[in-house]
């Protein structure tokens, strides 16, 4: 089982996703394709929530940030 992606890998994936298809972006970021699909779905839902609330488009760093109160320790990229 692969370790969960770091925040840096998520940012790298979303950046590559702007230019290439999802599988290629996942490969370049070094993450599993299924994990990439989950990231893409969560970020997409978050963008819809922001749009419906009339908020400005969040930055990529804000899109991959962990929700407060999850109880998980924040990840640091190496």
Protein backbone atom coordinates (compact mmCIF):
# COMPACT_ATOMS: atom_id res chain seq x y z
CA UNK A 1 0.00 0.00 0.00
CA UNK A 2 1.42 3.36 -1.02
CA UNK A 3 1.70 6.17 1.51
CA UNK A 4 -0.89 8.95 1.21
CA UNK A 5 0.11 11.82 -1.05
CA UNK A 6 1.69 14.87 0.51
CA UNK A 7 0.26 18.33 0.07
CA UNK A 8 3.04 19.04 -2.41
CA UNK A 9 2.11 16.03 -4.54
CA UNK A 10 -1.53 17.12 -4.55
CA UNK A 11 -0.54 20.61 -5.68
CA UNK A 12 1.72 19.13 -8.34
CA UNK A 13 -1.12 16.88 -9.55
CA UNK A 14 -3.61 19.76 -9.81
CA UNK A 15 -1.03 21.90 -11.63
CA UNK A 16 -0.29 19.16 -14.17
CA UNK A 17 -4.03 18.52 -14.52
CA UNK A 18 -4.42 21.94 -16.10
CA UNK A 19 -2.25 20.83 -19.04
CA UNK A 20 -2.56 17.04 -19.41
CA UNK A 21 -5.16 14.35 -18.73
CA UNK A 22 -5.67 12.89 -15.25
CA UNK A 23 -3.62 9.70 -15.65
CA UNK A 24 -0.60 11.58 -16.96
CA UNK A 25 -0.89 14.21 -14.21
CA UNK A 26 -1.03 11.45 -11.57
CA UNK A 27 2.03 9.75 -13.06
CA UNK A 28 4.00 13.00 -13.11
CA UNK A 29 3.03 13.78 -9.50
CA UNK A 30 3.89 10.24 -8.39
CA UNK A 31 0.49 9.34 -6.98
CA UNK A 32 -1.91 6.45 -7.53
CA UNK A 33 -4.58 7.03 -10.20
CA UNK A 34 -7.39 6.10 -7.79
CA UNK A 35 -6.09 8.59 -5.23
CA UNK A 36 -5.88 11.18 -7.99
CA UNK A 37 -9.53 10.58 -8.88
CA UNK A 38 -10.53 11.12 -5.24
CA UNK A 39 -8.50 14.35 -5.07
CA UNK A 40 -10.06 15.59 -8.29
CA UNK A 41 -13.59 14.79 -7.07
CA UNK A 42 -13.06 16.47 -3.70
CA UNK A 43 -11.53 19.58 -5.24
CA UNK A 44 -14.34 19.73 -7.81
CA UNK A 45 -16.98 19.57 -5.07
CA UNK A 46 -15.12 22.27 -3.11
CA UNK A 47 -15.03 24.55 -6.17
CA UNK A 48 -18.78 24.07 -6.68
CA UNK A 49 -19.42 24.94 -3.01
CA UNK A 50 -17.36 28.13 -3.36
CA UNK A 51 -19.16 29.06 -6.57
CA UNK A 52 -22.59 28.54 -4.98
CA UNK A 53 -21.59 30.58 -1.92
CA UNK A 54 -20.40 33.42 -4.15
CA UNK A 55 -16.81 33.17 -2.90
CA UNK A 56 -13.78 33.89 -5.07
CA UNK A 57 -12.01 30.94 -6.67
CA UNK A 58 -9.66 29.40 -4.08
CA UNK A 59 -5.96 28.98 -4.76
CA UNK A 60 -4.54 25.52 -5.41
CA UNK A 61 -3.03 25.49 -1.91
CA UNK A 62 -6.47 26.24 -0.43
CA UNK A 63 -8.01 23.51 -2.57
CA UNK A 64 -5.76 20.78 -1.13
CA UNK A 65 -5.70 22.01 2.47
CA UNK A 66 -7.10 19.64 5.05
CA UNK A 67 -10.42 20.53 6.56
CA UNK A 68 -10.12 21.70 10.17
CA UNK A 69 -11.33 19.32 12.84
CA UNK A 70 -10.49 16.07 11.05
CA UNK A 71 -8.12 15.09 13.83
CA UNK A 72 -5.37 14.15 11.41
CA UNK A 73 -1.93 15.64 11.82
CA UNK A 74 -0.97 18.06 9.05
CA UNK A 75 1.40 16.58 6.48
CA UNK A 76 4.67 18.25 5.68
CA UNK A 77 6.33 17.89 2.32
CA UNK A 78 9.96 16.84 2.17
